[in-house]
Amino acid sequence: MFKALSESQRNQYRCDGFVFPLPVLSEAEAAAFAGRMERAYADGKLDGMADTKFYLRFPWVHEGATRPGLLDMIEDLIGPDIMLYHNTVWSKEGGDGRYVSWHQDNTYFGHDPCEVLTVWLAITPATDKSGCMEFLAGTHRLGQLALRPPDATSGNLLSSGQTSDIEPSAYDPVAVELRPGEASVHHAFLVHGSRPNRADHRRLGIALIYHRPGLRQFGECRTSALLVRGQDNFNHFDHERPPKSEDDPETLRHFEAAVARYRAKVRELGNATVGRFD
């Protein structure tokens, strides 16, 4: 029995590699989330590598990432056993010219098989004008693509300049427009990117990555993940712990160790300069 998504939505995910818009937060909850994000930025708590896996530092991020309604949607797509592997924040100021090149998320993760999905949660409006994500429908069925020479221009938010070896003109990009509190879900093989923000407001969103416990990863570096529903009968990932409070010393040590493991895996997979993905 499926819990949250209709048959049409599940079929769209299988066929196109994505589904949206999906309600996760109310408008008021999204506004409160945005306020907390602004305070974290102001306090320097999202600087540098601290914008990685920060569901392990901030209880309010952990709460948002483990909401029963959100996990119900994920369960409908990958099954009842769910691990949260990674998250990051995406911020584009209006008129700053920054964009994201066409890429696949699993290039950074190395999961095999790629039964992995990304939830992109809008905290402020994500519109065509503000540089919302764009999806190339059906490209998840192509599997892991080779990379072109990196697009490492200064405006690219992907510090690795990752660019999938695909001809985007052969597709009609789908603009992923979302209201605050709405989310999209896409397969980790789906090719996607985003254009610059031409609006007069910041485009702010959170990416959350979930997968089944039974997956393995290419390479030797062992990483960690947070079991958020069901059971892990495989032990392929070290288990993470929810945060106690954002400044708790034990929480900070655990958070920093998990980030270090994630970064080591990314480097092992060949993205030596990677900062983030969209």
Protein backbone atom coordinates (compact mmCIF):
# COMPACT_ATOMS: atom_id res chain seq x y z
CA MET A 1 0.00 0.00 0.00
CA PHE A 2 1.36 3.42 -0.98
CA LYS A 3 1.23 6.22 1.56
CA ALA A 4 1.54 9.61 -0.11
CA LEU A 5 2.04 9.57 -3.88
CA SER A 6 -0.55 8.72 -6.50
CA GLU A 7 -0.01 6.11 -9.18
CA SER A 8 0.40 8.93 -11.69
CA GLN A 9 3.14 10.54 -9.59
CA ARG A 10 4.98 7.24 -9.13
CA ASN A 11 4.76 6.56 -12.87
CA GLN A 12 6.11 10.03 -13.63
CA TYR A 13 9.11 9.39 -11.38
CA ARG A 14 9.80 6.07 -13.10
CA CYS A 15 9.34 7.50 -16.60
CA ASP A 16 10.71 11.04 -16.34
CA GLY A 17 13.00 10.70 -13.32
CA PHE A 18 11.27 13.35 -11.23
CA VAL A 19 8.02 14.46 -9.61
CA PHE A 20 6.94 17.89 -8.33
CA PRO A 21 5.51 19.95 -6.69
CA LEU A 22 5.14 18.08 -3.40
CA PRO A 23 4.01 19.82 -0.19
CA VAL A 24 6.42 19.46 2.73
CA LEU A 25 6.26 22.67 4.81
CA SER A 26 3.47 25.18 5.24
CA GLU A 27 4.13 28.76 4.13
CA ALA A 28 4.61 29.79 7.76
CA GLU A 29 6.98 26.89 8.42
CA ALA A 30 9.01 27.78 5.32
CA ALA A 31 9.27 31.39 6.52
CA ALA A 32 10.45 30.22 9.96
CA PHE A 33 12.98 27.91 8.28
CA ALA A 34 14.26 30.82 6.20
CA GLY A 35 14.71 32.89 9.37
CA ARG A 36 16.75 30.16 11.00
CA MET A 37 18.87 29.81 7.86
CA GLU A 38 19.56 33.55 7.86
CA ARG A 39 20.66 33.40 11.50
CA ALA A 40 22.93 30.43 10.80
CA TYR A 41 24.52 32.36 7.92
CA ALA A 42 24.94 35.46 10.09
CA ASP A 43 26.59 33.40 12.83
CA GLY A 44 29.01 31.81 10.37
CA LYS A 45 27.60 28.33 11.02
CA LEU A 46 27.13 27.54 7.31
CA ASP A 47 30.52 28.73 6.11
CA GLY A 48 32.84 26.53 4.08
CA MET A 49 32.39 22.81 4.64
CA ALA A 50 29.72 23.50 7.28
CA ASP A 51 27.08 23.60 4.53
CA THR A 52 27.47 19.82 4.15
CA LYS A 53 25.40 17.23 6.06
CA PHE A 54 24.15 19.89 8.46
CA TYR A 55 21.10 17.82 9.40
CA LEU A 56 23.65 16.40 11.84
CA ARG A 57 24.18 19.80 13.47
CA PHE A 58 20.83 21.62 13.52
CA PRO A 59 17.85 19.88 15.18
CA TRP A 60 15.41 21.96 13.12
CA VAL A 61 16.99 20.73 9.88
CA HIS A 62 16.89 17.15 11.16
CA GLU A 63 13.21 17.62 12.00
CA GLY A 64 12.43 18.89 8.52
CA ALA A 65 14.37 16.06 6.86
CA THR A 66 12.61 13.34 8.86
CA ARG A 67 8.99 14.53 8.73
CA PRO A 68 6.65 11.54 8.43
CA GLY A 69 4.87 13.05 5.42
CA LEU A 70 8.15 13.55 3.56
CA LEU A 71 9.40 10.07 4.44
CA ASP A 72 6.07 8.64 3.24
CA MET A 73 6.74 10.14 -0.21
CA ILE A 74 10.25 8.72 -0.25
CA GLU A 75 9.02 5.31 0.89
CA ASP A 76 6.59 5.23 -2.02
CA LEU A 77 9.57 5.53 -4.38
CA ILE A 78 12.39 3.49 -2.80
CA GLY A 79 10.75 1.34 -0.13
CA PRO A 80 10.34 1.30 3.66
CA ASP A 81 14.03 1.25 4.67
CA ILE A 82 15.48 4.73 4.20
CA MET A 83 18.83 6.36 4.95
CA LEU A 84 19.62 10.08 4.74
CA TYR A 85 23.07 10.37 3.16
CA HIS A 86 23.73 14.04 2.57
CA ASN A 87 22.33 17.55 2.39
CA THR A 88 23.43 21.00 1.40
CA VAL A 89 22.03 24.50 0.96
CA TRP A 90 21.67 26.42 -2.29
CA SER A 91 21.53 30.18 -2.33
CA LYS A 92 21.48 32.48 -5.37
CA GLU A 93 21.28 36.21 -4.93
CA GLY A 94 19.27 38.15 -7.48
CA GLY A 95 21.50 39.36 -10.31
CA ASP A 96 24.67 37.61 -9.11
CA GLY A 97 25.02 35.67 -12.38
CA ARG A 98 25.62 32.30 -10.76
CA TYR A 99 24.34 29.13 -12.43
CA VAL A 100 24.77 25.34 -12.29
CA SER A 101 26.04 23.28 -15.23
CA TRP A 102 24.22 20.15 -16.47
CA HIS A 103 25.20 17.26 -14.22
CA GLN A 104 24.16 14.09 -12.35
CA ASP A 105 24.24 13.87 -8.55
CA ASN A 106 25.52 10.30 -8.36
CA THR A 107 28.87 11.36 -9.81
CA TYR A 108 29.53 12.70 -6.30
CA PHE A 109 28.06 9.73 -4.42
CA GLY A 110 29.17 6.60 -6.29
CA HIS A 111 26.18 4.57 -5.12
CA ASP A 112 25.69 1.22 -6.80
CA PRO A 113 23.00 0.47 -7.78
CA CYS A 114 21.80 4.05 -8.02
CA GLU A 115 18.58 3.71 -6.04
CA VAL A 116 19.11 7.22 -4.75
CA LEU A 117 16.93 10.31 -4.89
CA THR A 118 17.31 14.00 -4.14
CA VAL A 119 14.61 16.07 -2.46
CA TRP A 120 15.00 19.77 -3.29
CA LEU A 121 13.00 21.83 -0.79
CA ALA A 122 12.25 25.45 -1.67
CA ILE A 123 12.64 27.88 1.22
CA THR A 124 12.01 30.97 -0.94
CA PRO A 125 10.22 31.05 -4.32
CA ALA A 126 11.98 29.02 -7.00
CA THR A 127 10.75 30.33 -10.34
CA ASP A 128 12.01 30.48 -13.89
CA LYS A 129 13.03 34.09 -13.24
CA SER A 130 14.85 33.28 -9.98
CA GLY A 131 16.86 30.46 -11.58
CA CYS A 132 14.95 27.35 -10.53
CA MET A 133 16.32 23.93 -11.39
CA GLU A 134 15.70 22.51 -14.85
CA PHE A 135 15.36 18.78 -15.53
CA LEU A 136 16.11 16.85 -18.73
CA ALA A 137 13.26 14.34 -18.56
CA GLY A 138 14.13 10.67 -18.94
CA THR A 139 17.90 11.11 -18.74
CA HIS A 140 18.03 9.01 -15.56
CA ARG A 141 17.49 5.98 -17.83
CA LEU A 142 20.85 6.65 -19.51
CA GLY A 143 22.76 5.54 -16.41
CA GLN A 144 26.00 7.14 -15.29
CA LEU A 145 27.28 9.44 -18.04
CA ALA A 146 30.85 10.35 -18.82
CA LEU A 147 31.97 13.92 -18.14
CA ARG A 148 32.91 16.65 -20.56
CA PRO A 149 35.80 19.01 -19.78
CA PRO A 150 34.76 20.94 -16.66
CA ASP A 151 32.84 24.17 -16.93
CA ALA A 152 34.84 25.81 -14.17
CA THR A 153 33.94 29.43 -14.89
CA SER A 154 33.58 31.77 -11.96
CA GLY A 155 29.78 31.85 -12.13
CA ASN A 156 29.32 28.08 -11.84
CA LEU A 157 28.14 27.06 -8.37
CA LEU A 158 29.68 23.62 -8.96
CA SER A 159 33.25 24.27 -7.92
CA SER A 160 34.27 21.07 -9.71
CA GLY A 161 32.65 22.39 -12.90
CA GLN A 162 31.06 18.98 -13.45
CA THR A 163 29.33 18.78 -16.83
CA SER A 164 27.69 15.59 -18.09
CA ASP A 165 28.51 14.44 -21.61
CA ILE A 166 25.09 15.07 -23.08
CA GLU A 167 23.61 17.40 -25.68
CA PRO A 168 20.96 19.43 -23.80
CA SER A 169 19.55 20.88 -27.03
CA ALA A 170 18.11 17.42 -27.75
CA TYR A 171 15.77 17.88 -24.78
CA ASP A 172 13.10 20.34 -23.73
CA PRO A 173 14.19 21.37 -20.20
CA VAL A 174 11.47 21.29 -17.55
CA ALA A 175 11.47 24.32 -15.24
CA VAL A 176 11.02 23.14 -11.63
CA GLU A 177 9.03 26.03 -10.22
CA LEU A 178 8.28 25.67 -6.50
CA ARG A 179 6.57 27.78 -3.86
CA PRO A 180 8.17 28.06 -0.40
CA GLY A 181 7.62 24.77 1.42
CA GLU A 182 7.18 22.73 -1.78
CA ALA A 183 9.70 20.16 -2.95
CA SER A 184 10.73 18.27 -6.04
CA VAL A 185 12.16 14.75 -6.05
CA HIS A 186 14.59 13.58 -8.71
CA HIS A 187 16.61 10.45 -9.41
CA ALA A 188 20.35 10.75 -8.80
CA PHE A 189 21.06 9.88 -12.48
CA LEU A 190 18.76 12.63 -13.80
CA VAL A 191 20.65 15.36 -15.65
CA HIS A 192 19.76 18.80 -14.30
CA GLY A 193 21.11 22.31 -13.83
CA SER A 194 19.94 25.87 -13.31
CA ARG A 195 20.31 29.32 -14.83
CA PRO A 196 21.13 32.62 -13.07
CA ASN A 197 18.70 34.36 -10.76
CA ARG A 198 17.18 37.35 -12.56
CA ALA A 199 14.68 38.13 -9.78
CA ASP A 200 15.01 40.75 -7.06
CA HIS A 201 15.02 38.19 -4.24
CA ARG A 202 17.25 35.37 -3.07
CA ARG A 203 16.52 31.84 -4.29
CA LEU A 204 17.14 29.62 -1.27
CA GLY A 205 16.68 25.87 -1.11
CA ILE A 206 17.83 22.75 0.71
CA ALA A 207 18.84 19.51 -1.02
CA LEU A 208 18.38 16.22 0.90
CA ILE A 209 19.64 12.88 -0.43
CA TYR A 210 18.06 9.54 0.54
CA HIS A 211 18.79 5.95 -0.43
CA ARG A 212 18.16 2.33 0.50
CA PRO A 213 20.49 0.80 3.11
CA GLY A 214 21.57 -2.07 0.85
CA LEU A 215 23.49 0.04 -1.64
CA ARG A 216 27.26 0.00 -1.91
CA GLN A 217 29.65 2.70 -3.11
CA PHE A 218 32.49 2.62 -5.57
CA GLY A 219 35.92 3.03 -4.01
CA GLU A 220 37.41 2.16 -0.64
CA CYS A 221 36.48 5.09 1.61
CA ARG A 222 33.68 4.18 3.98
CA THR A 223 31.04 6.83 4.59
CA SER A 224 28.14 7.28 6.99
CA ALA A 225 24.40 7.85 6.78
CA LEU A 226 21.44 8.36 9.10
CA LEU A 227 18.81 5.64 9.26
CA VAL A 228 15.53 7.60 9.25
CA ARG A 229 13.00 4.81 8.70
CA GLY A 230 12.94 1.02 8.80
CA GLN A 231 15.98 -1.21 9.26
CA ASP A 232 19.53 -1.52 8.03
CA ASN A 233 20.38 -5.20 7.59
CA PHE A 234 23.52 -4.60 5.51
CA ASN A 235 25.97 -2.40 7.49
CA HIS A 236 27.42 -0.79 4.35
CA PHE A 237 27.39 2.65 6.01
CA ASP A 238 28.38 3.71 9.50
CA HIS A 239 25.35 4.93 11.42
CA GLU A 240 24.99 8.60 12.22
CA ARG A 241 23.21 10.11 15.23
CA PRO A 242 20.66 12.94 15.32
CA PRO A 243 21.94 16.25 16.75
CA LYS A 244 21.37 17.16 20.39
CA SER A 245 21.81 20.90 19.87
CA GLU A 246 23.72 22.92 17.30
CA ASP A 247 26.54 23.86 19.68
CA ASP A 248 26.73 20.65 21.71
CA PRO A 249 30.41 19.50 21.65
CA GLU A 250 29.55 15.84 21.01
CA THR A 251 27.15 16.84 18.22
CA LEU A 252 29.85 19.00 16.62
CA ARG A 253 32.47 16.23 16.75
CA HIS A 254 30.07 13.73 15.18
CA PHE A 255 29.02 16.25 12.51
CA GLU A 256 32.60 17.14 11.57
CA ALA A 257 33.66 13.49 11.38
CA ALA A 258 30.75 12.65 9.07
CA VAL A 259 31.55 15.62 6.82
CA ALA A 260 35.19 14.53 6.60
CA ARG A 261 34.15 11.04 5.49
CA TYR A 262 31.80 12.44 2.87
CA ARG A 263 34.50 14.74 1.49
CA ALA A 264 37.01 11.89 1.39
CA LYS A 265 34.58 9.84 -0.71
CA VAL A 266 33.97 12.73 -3.10
CA ARG A 267 37.71 13.19 -3.58
CA GLU A 268 38.16 9.45 -4.08
CA LEU A 269 35.54 9.56 -6.85
CA GLY A 270 37.56 12.19 -8.68
CA ASN A 271 35.90 15.47 -7.70
CA ALA A 272 38.89 16.93 -5.94
CA THR A 273 37.58 20.50 -5.88
CA VAL A 274 33.91 19.77 -5.33
CA GLY A 275 32.02 22.14 -3.05
CA ARG A 276 28.41 21.24 -3.70
CA PHE A 277 25.77 20.20 -6.21
CA ASP A 278 22.32 21.47 -7.23
